[in-house]
Amino acid sequence: MMASAFSLGRIIRLSLLSVGAIIFLAPYIFMISAAGKTQSDIFTSSLSLIPAHLAYAENFAKALSRVPMARLLWNGVVVCGLIFLLQVLVAIPCAYAMAKLRFAAARAMMVLVMLGLLVPIHATALPLYVAFNSTSLLNSYAALVAPFTISVFAIFMFLQFFRAMPDDLIHAARLDGMSELGIVARVIVPNAWPAVTAFAIFSVVAHWNDLYWPLIAISKQDYATPPLGLMYFRAAEAGDDYGALMAATLIITLPLVAAFLLAQKRFVEGITMTGLKG
């Protein structure tokens, strides 16, 4: 009786998870389907996921030729990579100091971090634009990277992770004569890879898909990020070649899907361990 109940409960859970997965994957499945359709297939009155006339080669050729797709992807890699690297370099020492060091301003810094989580990029976009315009840094990688080098979310996430680490590990390193920077580099960072990987997914996805700030800071195609490049593609195609547009979108989103699948185990591990309290 217990075995049958367990089996029934497991079937119900798997069914609910399957339904949820289909709902979340539906837009991506539709995008893959539309990327292989001709205009007549897309605008037909009947809805079919299987293209009547396969046009994948034609649509992908348009996506790769109408806009500099390789340049767009390279810009996305450079911008996301630099942002992530600088965010980690700032967040890890700051989070370590707040989690493992005792000083008077620790509580005040924690309050500032929590308040920083409430400030959206939209609130700071105008003064940032004025500052970059006055220093002639618009249309550059610096304009795309600099506003995001300090991530309060990264500081908060690493803070929770470091609090769960045993203090004895830190004390042992100090007894061995390590400086605080040495402890961060040789003890904290090697043990923080699950949290770093989890944050990498959040950071890369957020800035790879960001359109708001690049639309403000960039007007030259040479520095366009992937989402901004899609806008140029729509302008070049008069906005009506949806098969080619879906093919271009598929090319741009595939790196994120591949990165998440490769880092899935570390991502789950990092999120799980970040929620633990020492």
C-alpha atoms as a PDB file:
ATOM      1  CA  MET A   1       0.000   0.000   0.000  1.00  0.00           C
ATOM      2  CA  MET A   2       2.837   2.386   0.920  1.00  0.00           C
ATOM      3  CA  ALA A   3       4.707   1.505  -2.272  1.00  0.00           C
ATOM      4  CA  SER A   4       1.665   2.261  -4.410  1.00  0.00           C
ATOM      5  CA  ALA A   5       1.068   5.555  -2.574  1.00  0.00           C
ATOM      6  CA  PHE A   6       4.705   6.515  -3.030  1.00  0.00           C
ATOM      7  CA  SER A   7       4.508   5.654  -6.708  1.00  0.00           C
ATOM      8  CA  LEU A   8       1.311   7.677  -7.116  1.00  0.00           C
ATOM      9  CA  GLY A   9       2.825  10.675  -5.334  1.00  0.00           C
ATOM     10  CA  ARG A  10       5.938  10.471  -7.460  1.00  0.00           C
ATOM     11  CA  ILE A  11       3.866  10.274 -10.641  1.00  0.00           C
ATOM     12  CA  ILE A  12       1.894  13.363  -9.582  1.00  0.00           C
ATOM     13  CA  ARG A  13       5.086  15.314  -8.842  1.00  0.00           C
ATOM     14  CA  LEU A  14       6.688  14.308 -12.124  1.00  0.00           C
ATOM     15  CA  SER A  15       3.503  15.227 -13.991  1.00  0.00           C
ATOM     16  CA  LEU A  16       3.389  18.676 -12.396  1.00  0.00           C
ATOM     17  CA  LEU A  17       7.070  19.248 -13.088  1.00  0.00           C
ATOM     18  CA  SER A  18       6.625  18.133 -16.696  1.00  0.00           C
ATOM     19  CA  VAL A  19       3.701  20.509 -17.203  1.00  0.00           C
ATOM     20  CA  GLY A  20       5.705  23.362 -15.667  1.00  0.00           C
ATOM     21  CA  ALA A  21       8.707  22.567 -17.868  1.00  0.00           C
ATOM     22  CA  ILE A  22       6.552  22.568 -21.007  1.00  0.00           C
ATOM     23  CA  ILE A  23       5.026  25.929 -20.043  1.00  0.00           C
ATOM     24  CA  PHE A  24       8.443  27.526 -19.501  1.00  0.00           C
ATOM     25  CA  LEU A  25       9.932  25.927 -22.629  1.00  0.00           C
ATOM     26  CA  ALA A  26       6.981  26.820 -24.855  1.00  0.00           C
ATOM     27  CA  PRO A  27       8.404  30.196 -26.036  1.00  0.00           C
ATOM     28  CA  TYR A  28      11.767  28.606 -26.866  1.00  0.00           C
ATOM     29  CA  ILE A  29      10.102  25.718 -28.687  1.00  0.00           C
ATOM     30  CA  PHE A  30       8.014  28.187 -30.686  1.00  0.00           C
ATOM     31  CA  MET A  31      11.173  30.178 -31.504  1.00  0.00           C
ATOM     32  CA  ILE A  32      12.937  27.046 -32.787  1.00  0.00           C
ATOM     33  CA  SER A  33       9.880  26.217 -34.874  1.00  0.00           C
ATOM     34  CA  ALA A  34       9.506  29.736 -36.314  1.00  0.00           C
ATOM     35  CA  ALA A  35      13.229  29.873 -37.167  1.00  0.00           C
ATOM     36  CA  GLY A  36      12.626  27.133 -39.759  1.00  0.00           C
ATOM     37  CA  LYS A  37       9.460  28.528 -41.326  1.00  0.00           C
ATOM     38  CA  THR A  38       8.848  30.685 -44.356  1.00  0.00           C
ATOM     39  CA  GLN A  39       6.751  33.827 -44.153  1.00  0.00           C
ATOM     40  CA  SER A  40       3.684  32.018 -45.502  1.00  0.00           C
ATOM     41  CA  ASP A  41       4.020  29.279 -42.857  1.00  0.00           C
ATOM     42  CA  ILE A  42       4.350  31.794 -40.012  1.00  0.00           C
ATOM     43  CA  PHE A  43       1.283  33.802 -41.000  1.00  0.00           C
ATOM     44  CA  THR A  44      -0.925  30.840 -41.816  1.00  0.00           C
ATOM     45  CA  SER A  45      -4.221  30.486 -39.964  1.00  0.00           C
ATOM     46  CA  SER A  46      -3.334  27.036 -38.586  1.00  0.00           C
ATOM     47  CA  LEU A  47      -0.820  26.655 -35.757  1.00  0.00           C
ATOM     48  CA  SER A  48       1.785  23.954 -36.357  1.00  0.00           C
ATOM     49  CA  LEU A  49       5.175  23.548 -34.704  1.00  0.00           C
ATOM     50  CA  ILE A  50       6.508  21.487 -37.616  1.00  0.00           C
ATOM     51  CA  PRO A  51       7.368  23.733 -40.609  1.00  0.00           C
ATOM     52  CA  ALA A  52       5.589  22.806 -43.828  1.00  0.00           C
ATOM     53  CA  HIS A  53       8.617  24.022 -45.808  1.00  0.00           C
ATOM     54  CA  LEU A  54      11.960  23.853 -44.033  1.00  0.00           C
ATOM     55  CA  ALA A  55      13.710  27.226 -44.273  1.00  0.00           C
ATOM     56  CA  TYR A  56      16.364  26.883 -41.561  1.00  0.00           C
ATOM     57  CA  ALA A  57      19.271  27.345 -43.967  1.00  0.00           C
ATOM     58  CA  GLU A  58      17.724  30.424 -45.576  1.00  0.00           C
ATOM     59  CA  ASN A  59      16.744  32.075 -42.296  1.00  0.00           C
ATOM     60  CA  PHE A  60      20.082  31.404 -40.593  1.00  0.00           C
ATOM     61  CA  ALA A  61      21.924  32.699 -43.657  1.00  0.00           C
ATOM     62  CA  LYS A  62      19.940  35.947 -43.403  1.00  0.00           C
ATOM     63  CA  ALA A  63      20.623  36.174 -39.674  1.00  0.00           C
ATOM     64  CA  LEU A  64      24.364  35.796 -40.209  1.00  0.00           C
ATOM     65  CA  SER A  65      24.612  38.127 -43.215  1.00  0.00           C
ATOM     66  CA  ARG A  66      22.276  41.059 -42.482  1.00  0.00           C
ATOM     67  CA  VAL A  67      23.997  42.036 -39.222  1.00  0.00           C
ATOM     68  CA  PRO A  68      27.567  41.329 -37.976  1.00  0.00           C
ATOM     69  CA  MET A  69      26.484  38.431 -35.792  1.00  0.00           C
ATOM     70  CA  ALA A  70      30.035  37.390 -34.860  1.00  0.00           C
ATOM     71  CA  ARG A  71      30.775  40.940 -33.722  1.00  0.00           C
ATOM     72  CA  LEU A  72      27.583  41.079 -31.661  1.00  0.00           C
ATOM     73  CA  LEU A  73      28.424  37.802 -29.919  1.00  0.00           C
ATOM     74  CA  TRP A  74      32.006  38.921 -29.304  1.00  0.00           C
ATOM     75  CA  ASN A  75      30.781  42.192 -27.782  1.00  0.00           C
ATOM     76  CA  GLY A  76      28.462  40.214 -25.526  1.00  0.00           C
ATOM     77  CA  VAL A  77      31.306  37.950 -24.389  1.00  0.00           C
ATOM     78  CA  VAL A  78      33.674  40.882 -23.715  1.00  0.00           C
ATOM     79  CA  VAL A  79      31.106  42.989 -21.849  1.00  0.00           C
ATOM     80  CA  CYS A  80      29.686  40.134 -19.761  1.00  0.00           C
ATOM     81  CA  GLY A  81      33.151  38.733 -19.031  1.00  0.00           C
ATOM     82  CA  LEU A  82      34.568  42.070 -17.886  1.00  0.00           C
ATOM     83  CA  ILE A  83      31.499  42.867 -15.776  1.00  0.00           C
ATOM     84  CA  PHE A  84      31.573  39.464 -14.094  1.00  0.00           C
ATOM     85  CA  LEU A  85      35.325  39.586 -13.424  1.00  0.00           C
ATOM     86  CA  LEU A  86      35.183  43.068 -11.881  1.00  0.00           C
ATOM     87  CA  GLN A  87      32.078  42.246  -9.859  1.00  0.00           C
ATOM     88  CA  VAL A  88      33.768  39.194  -8.336  1.00  0.00           C
ATOM     89  CA  LEU A  89      37.013  41.077  -7.629  1.00  0.00           C
ATOM     90  CA  VAL A  90      35.054  43.706  -5.696  1.00  0.00           C
ATOM     91  CA  ALA A  91      32.386  41.516  -4.086  1.00  0.00           C
ATOM     92  CA  ILE A  92      34.506  38.690  -2.622  1.00  0.00           C
ATOM     93  CA  PRO A  93      36.839  40.841  -0.442  1.00  0.00           C
ATOM     94  CA  CYS A  94      33.924  43.040   0.623  1.00  0.00           C
ATOM     95  CA  ALA A  95      31.736  40.065   1.548  1.00  0.00           C
ATOM     96  CA  TYR A  96      34.634  38.368   3.351  1.00  0.00           C
ATOM     97  CA  ALA A  97      35.287  41.478   5.451  1.00  0.00           C
ATOM     98  CA  MET A  98      31.622  41.771   6.407  1.00  0.00           C
ATOM     99  CA  ALA A  99      31.270  38.058   7.179  1.00  0.00           C
ATOM    100  CA  LYS A 100      34.530  37.232   8.986  1.00  0.00           C
ATOM    101  CA  LEU A 101      36.053  40.465  10.272  1.00  0.00           C
ATOM    102  CA  ARG A 102      34.856  42.451  13.243  1.00  0.00           C
ATOM    103  CA  PHE A 103      34.730  46.224  12.778  1.00  0.00           C
ATOM    104  CA  ALA A 104      32.403  49.037  13.816  1.00  0.00           C
ATOM    105  CA  ALA A 105      30.961  49.820  10.384  1.00  0.00           C
ATOM    106  CA  ALA A 106      29.935  46.218   9.555  1.00  0.00           C
ATOM    107  CA  ARG A 107      26.264  46.744  10.416  1.00  0.00           C
ATOM    108  CA  ALA A 108      26.129  50.064   8.557  1.00  0.00           C
ATOM    109  CA  MET A 109      27.672  48.436   5.481  1.00  0.00           C
ATOM    110  CA  MET A 110      25.080  45.662   5.644  1.00  0.00           C
ATOM    111  CA  VAL A 111      22.314  48.268   5.700  1.00  0.00           C
ATOM    112  CA  LEU A 112      23.843  50.007   2.682  1.00  0.00           C
ATOM    113  CA  VAL A 113      24.041  46.697   0.809  1.00  0.00           C
ATOM    114  CA  MET A 114      20.379  45.979   1.510  1.00  0.00           C
ATOM    115  CA  LEU A 115      19.416  49.494   0.399  1.00  0.00           C
ATOM    116  CA  GLY A 116      21.526  49.077  -2.724  1.00  0.00           C
ATOM    117  CA  LEU A 117      19.423  46.081  -3.716  1.00  0.00           C
ATOM    118  CA  LEU A 118      16.425  48.428  -3.942  1.00  0.00           C
ATOM    119  CA  VAL A 119      17.997  50.876  -6.424  1.00  0.00           C
ATOM    120  CA  PRO A 120      17.263  49.984 -10.080  1.00  0.00           C
ATOM    121  CA  ILE A 121      19.502  50.969 -12.984  1.00  0.00           C
ATOM    122  CA  HIS A 122      16.697  53.202 -14.271  1.00  0.00           C
ATOM    123  CA  ALA A 123      17.164  55.550 -11.303  1.00  0.00           C
ATOM    124  CA  THR A 124      20.833  56.138 -12.102  1.00  0.00           C
ATOM    125  CA  ALA A 125      20.704  56.044 -15.913  1.00  0.00           C
ATOM    126  CA  LEU A 126      20.425  59.816 -16.437  1.00  0.00           C
ATOM    127  CA  PRO A 127      23.378  60.886 -14.221  1.00  0.00           C
ATOM    128  CA  LEU A 128      25.463  58.034 -15.640  1.00  0.00           C
ATOM    129  CA  TYR A 129      24.686  59.143 -19.189  1.00  0.00           C
ATOM    130  CA  VAL A 130      25.618  62.737 -18.379  1.00  0.00           C
ATOM    131  CA  ALA A 131      28.877  61.594 -16.752  1.00  0.00           C
ATOM    132  CA  PHE A 132      29.908  59.373 -19.660  1.00  0.00           C
ATOM    133  CA  ASN A 133      28.905  62.011 -22.198  1.00  0.00           C
ATOM    134  CA  SER A 134      30.983  64.685 -20.437  1.00  0.00           C
ATOM    135  CA  THR A 135      34.021  62.376 -20.426  1.00  0.00           C
ATOM    136  CA  SER A 136      33.479  61.235 -24.052  1.00  0.00           C
ATOM    137  CA  LEU A 137      33.161  57.594 -22.992  1.00  0.00           C
ATOM    138  CA  LEU A 138      29.870  56.853 -24.742  1.00  0.00           C
ATOM    139  CA  ASN A 139      30.084  54.216 -27.500  1.00  0.00           C
ATOM    140  CA  SER A 140      32.810  52.279 -25.737  1.00  0.00           C
ATOM    141  CA  TYR A 141      33.220  49.124 -23.686  1.00  0.00           C
ATOM    142  CA  ALA A 142      33.878  51.338 -20.662  1.00  0.00           C
ATOM    143  CA  ALA A 143      30.373  52.803 -20.891  1.00  0.00           C
ATOM    144  CA  LEU A 144      28.876  49.304 -20.987  1.00  0.00           C
ATOM    145  CA  VAL A 145      30.980  47.858 -18.164  1.00  0.00           C
ATOM    146  CA  ALA A 146      31.682  50.632 -15.627  1.00  0.00           C
ATOM    147  CA  PRO A 147      28.135  51.111 -14.220  1.00  0.00           C
ATOM    148  CA  PHE A 148      27.946  47.445 -13.182  1.00  0.00           C
ATOM    149  CA  THR A 149      31.377  46.802 -11.675  1.00  0.00           C
ATOM    150  CA  ILE A 150      29.950  46.907  -8.137  1.00  0.00           C
ATOM    151  CA  SER A 151      27.103  44.435  -7.605  1.00  0.00           C
ATOM    152  CA  VAL A 152      25.342  44.634  -4.260  1.00  0.00           C
ATOM    153  CA  PHE A 153      23.582  41.391  -5.127  1.00  0.00           C
ATOM    154  CA  ALA A 154      26.980  39.675  -5.483  1.00  0.00           C
ATOM    155  CA  ILE A 155      28.123  41.097  -2.131  1.00  0.00           C
ATOM    156  CA  PHE A 156      24.937  39.882  -0.439  1.00  0.00           C
ATOM    157  CA  MET A 157      25.160  36.438  -2.056  1.00  0.00           C
ATOM    158  CA  PHE A 158      28.824  35.890  -1.160  1.00  0.00           C
ATOM    159  CA  LEU A 159      28.174  37.245   2.320  1.00  0.00           C
ATOM    160  CA  GLN A 160      25.610  34.527   2.958  1.00  0.00           C
ATOM    161  CA  PHE A 161      27.979  31.901   1.553  1.00  0.00           C
ATOM    162  CA  PHE A 162      30.988  33.033   3.631  1.00  0.00           C
ATOM    163  CA  ARG A 163      28.964  33.113   6.838  1.00  0.00           C
ATOM    164  CA  ALA A 164      28.432  29.361   6.430  1.00  0.00           C
ATOM    165  CA  MET A 165      32.178  28.694   6.174  1.00  0.00           C
ATOM    166  CA  PRO A 166      33.805  27.507   9.463  1.00  0.00           C
ATOM    167  CA  ASP A 167      35.765  30.152  11.350  1.00  0.00           C
ATOM    168  CA  ASP A 168      38.352  27.524  12.303  1.00  0.00           C
ATOM    169  CA  LEU A 169      39.508  27.473   8.680  1.00  0.00           C
ATOM    170  CA  ILE A 170      40.211  31.212   8.819  1.00  0.00           C
ATOM    171  CA  HIS A 171      41.937  30.983  12.221  1.00  0.00           C
ATOM    172  CA  ALA A 172      44.194  28.171  11.008  1.00  0.00           C
ATOM    173  CA  ALA A 173      45.260  30.258   8.017  1.00  0.00           C
ATOM    174  CA  ARG A 174      46.062  33.187  10.294  1.00  0.00           C
ATOM    175  CA  LEU A 175      48.154  30.950  12.546  1.00  0.00           C
ATOM    176  CA  ASP A 176      50.122  29.937   9.454  1.00  0.00           C
ATOM    177  CA  GLY A 177      51.013  33.594   8.958  1.00  0.00           C
ATOM    178  CA  MET A 178      48.722  34.434   6.062  1.00  0.00           C
ATOM    179  CA  SER A 179      47.593  38.008   5.549  1.00  0.00           C
ATOM    180  CA  GLU A 180      43.922  38.794   5.051  1.00  0.00           C
ATOM    181  CA  LEU A 181      44.434  39.163   1.297  1.00  0.00           C
ATOM    182  CA  GLY A 182      46.278  35.843   1.282  1.00  0.00           C
ATOM    183  CA  ILE A 183      43.373  34.201   3.101  1.00  0.00           C
ATOM    184  CA  VAL A 184      40.958  35.585   0.513  1.00  0.00           C
ATOM    185  CA  ALA A 185      43.089  34.407  -2.416  1.00  0.00           C
ATOM    186  CA  ARG A 186      44.219  31.003  -1.086  1.00  0.00           C
ATOM    187  CA  VAL A 187      41.424  29.931   1.268  1.00  0.00           C
ATOM    188  CA  ILE A 188      38.196  31.784   0.511  1.00  0.00           C
ATOM    189  CA  VAL A 189      38.243  31.812  -3.301  1.00  0.00           C
ATOM    190  CA  PRO A 190      39.062  28.076  -3.771  1.00  0.00           C
ATOM    191  CA  ASN A 191      36.159  27.184  -1.469  1.00  0.00           C
ATOM    192  CA  ALA A 192      33.774  29.698  -3.038  1.00  0.00           C
ATOM    193  CA  TRP A 193      33.614  28.273  -6.574  1.00  0.00           C
ATOM    194  CA  PRO A 194      30.027  26.977  -6.199  1.00  0.00           C
ATOM    195  CA  ALA A 195      28.851  30.466  -5.195  1.00  0.00           C
ATOM    196  CA  VAL A 196      30.967  32.086  -7.923  1.00  0.00           C
ATOM    197  CA  THR A 197      29.467  29.763 -10.544  1.00  0.00           C
ATOM    198  CA  ALA A 198      25.939  30.427  -9.323  1.00  0.00           C
ATOM    199  CA  PHE A 199      26.505  34.174  -9.430  1.00  0.00           C
ATOM    200  CA  ALA A 200      28.110  33.863 -12.874  1.00  0.00           C
ATOM    201  CA  ILE A 201      24.828  32.515 -14.254  1.00  0.00           C
ATOM    202  CA  PHE A 202      22.875  35.413 -12.743  1.00  0.00           C
ATOM    203  CA  SER A 203      25.365  38.032 -13.908  1.00  0.00           C
ATOM    204  CA  VAL A 204      25.918  36.760 -17.445  1.00  0.00           C
ATOM    205  CA  VAL A 205      22.216  36.187 -18.143  1.00  0.00           C
ATOM    206  CA  ALA A 206      21.261  39.627 -16.800  1.00  0.00           C
ATOM    207  CA  HIS A 207      23.872  41.555 -18.784  1.00  0.00           C
ATOM    208  CA  TRP A 208      23.732  39.418 -21.926  1.00  0.00           C
ATOM    209  CA  ASN A 209      19.993  40.128 -22.178  1.00  0.00           C
ATOM    210  CA  ASP A 210      20.215  43.762 -21.059  1.00  0.00           C
ATOM    211  CA  LEU A 211      18.823  46.196 -23.611  1.00  0.00           C
ATOM    212  CA  TYR A 212      18.003  49.250 -21.498  1.00  0.00           C
ATOM    213  CA  TRP A 213      21.504  50.587 -20.778  1.00  0.00           C
ATOM    214  CA  PRO A 214      23.138  49.628 -24.134  1.00  0.00           C
ATOM    215  CA  LEU A 215      20.275  51.394 -25.912  1.00  0.00           C
ATOM    216  CA  ILE A 216      21.190  54.566 -23.989  1.00  0.00           C
ATOM    217  CA  ALA A 217      24.983  54.352 -24.087  1.00  0.00           C
ATOM    218  CA  ILE A 218      25.603  52.893 -27.562  1.00  0.00           C
ATOM    219  CA  SER A 219      24.697  54.337 -30.944  1.00  0.00           C
ATOM    220  CA  LYS A 220      27.413  52.668 -33.033  1.00  0.00           C
ATOM    221  CA  GLN A 221      26.997  49.114 -34.261  1.00  0.00           C
ATOM    222  CA  ASP A 222      30.653  48.316 -33.511  1.00  0.00           C
ATOM    223  CA  TYR A 223      29.867  48.202 -29.770  1.00  0.00           C
ATOM    224  CA  ALA A 224      26.334  46.811 -29.974  1.00  0.00           C
ATOM    225  CA  THR A 225      25.470  43.961 -27.606  1.00  0.00           C
ATOM    226  CA  PRO A 226      23.367  40.980 -28.822  1.00  0.00           C
ATOM    227  CA  PRO A 227      19.918  42.393 -27.829  1.00  0.00           C
ATOM    228  CA  LEU A 228      20.786  45.762 -29.374  1.00  0.00           C
ATOM    229  CA  GLY A 229      21.947  43.946 -32.504  1.00  0.00           C
ATOM    230  CA  LEU A 230      18.517  42.350 -32.796  1.00  0.00           C
ATOM    231  CA  MET A 231      17.022  45.840 -32.982  1.00  0.00           C
ATOM    232  CA  TYR A 232      19.405  46.680 -35.830  1.00  0.00           C
ATOM    233  CA  PHE A 233      18.369  43.427 -37.508  1.00  0.00           C
ATOM    234  CA  ARG A 234      14.694  44.343 -37.261  1.00  0.00           C
ATOM    235  CA  ALA A 235      15.435  47.765 -38.719  1.00  0.00           C
ATOM    236  CA  ALA A 236      17.373  46.191 -41.597  1.00  0.00           C
ATOM    237  CA  GLU A 237      14.564  43.738 -42.277  1.00  0.00           C
ATOM    238  CA  ALA A 238      11.767  46.318 -41.898  1.00  0.00           C
ATOM    239  CA  GLY A 239      10.528  44.243 -38.959  1.00  0.00           C
ATOM    240  CA  ASP A 240       8.552  41.710 -40.991  1.00  0.00           C
ATOM    241  CA  ASP A 241      10.960  38.805 -41.648  1.00  0.00           C
ATOM    242  CA  TYR A 242      10.084  36.915 -38.482  1.00  0.00           C
ATOM    243  CA  GLY A 243      11.643  33.633 -39.559  1.00  0.00           C
ATOM    244  CA  ALA A 244      15.075  35.261 -39.905  1.00  0.00           C
ATOM    245  CA  LEU A 245      14.465  37.254 -36.722  1.00  0.00           C
ATOM    246  CA  MET A 246      13.740  34.054 -34.784  1.00  0.00           C
ATOM    247  CA  ALA A 247      16.887  32.485 -36.263  1.00  0.00           C
ATOM    248  CA  ALA A 248      18.950  35.468 -35.090  1.00  0.00           C
ATOM    249  CA  THR A 249      17.361  35.269 -31.641  1.00  0.00           C
ATOM    250  CA  LEU A 250      18.125  31.558 -31.493  1.00  0.00           C
ATOM    251  CA  ILE A 251      21.791  32.194 -32.307  1.00  0.00           C
ATOM    252  CA  ILE A 252      22.012  34.817 -29.567  1.00  0.00           C
ATOM    253  CA  THR A 253      20.312  32.706 -26.882  1.00  0.00           C
ATOM    254  CA  LEU A 254      22.144  29.431 -27.582  1.00  0.00           C
ATOM    255  CA  PRO A 255      25.341  30.487 -25.712  1.00  0.00           C
ATOM    256  CA  LEU A 256      23.284  31.148 -22.565  1.00  0.00           C
ATOM    257  CA  VAL A 257      21.534  27.792 -22.799  1.00  0.00           C
ATOM    258  CA  ALA A 258      24.844  25.972 -23.327  1.00  0.00           C
ATOM    259  CA  ALA A 259      26.495  27.824 -20.427  1.00  0.00           C
ATOM    260  CA  PHE A 260      23.643  27.000 -18.068  1.00  0.00           C
ATOM    261  CA  LEU A 261      23.636  23.315 -19.027  1.00  0.00           C
ATOM    262  CA  LEU A 262      27.394  23.070 -18.494  1.00  0.00           C
ATOM    263  CA  ALA A 263      27.256  24.849 -15.124  1.00  0.00           C
ATOM    264  CA  GLN A 264      23.952  23.395 -13.913  1.00  0.00           C
ATOM    265  CA  LYS A 265      25.445  21.185 -11.197  1.00  0.00           C
ATOM    266  CA  ARG A 266      27.615  23.956  -9.782  1.00  0.00           C
ATOM    267  CA  PHE A 267      24.731  26.411 -10.021  1.00  0.00           C
ATOM    268  CA  VAL A 268      22.396  24.235  -7.946  1.00  0.00           C
ATOM    269  CA  GLU A 269      25.199  23.493  -5.468  1.00  0.00           C
ATOM    270  CA  GLY A 270      25.999  27.174  -5.083  1.00  0.00           C
ATOM    271  CA  ILE A 271      22.382  28.213  -4.544  1.00  0.00           C
ATOM    272  CA  THR A 272      21.893  25.403  -2.011  1.00  0.00           C
ATOM    273  CA  MET A 273      25.047  26.168  -0.026  1.00  0.00           C
ATOM    274  CA  THR A 274      24.374  29.926  -0.083  1.00  0.00           C
ATOM    275  CA  GLY A 275      21.161  29.327   1.818  1.00  0.00           C
ATOM    276  CA  LEU A 276      22.910  27.485   4.670  1.00  0.00           C
ATOM    277  CA  LYS A 277      23.735  29.231   7.905  1.00  0.00           C
ATOM    278  CA  GLY A 278      26.862  28.432   9.883  1.00  0.00           C
END
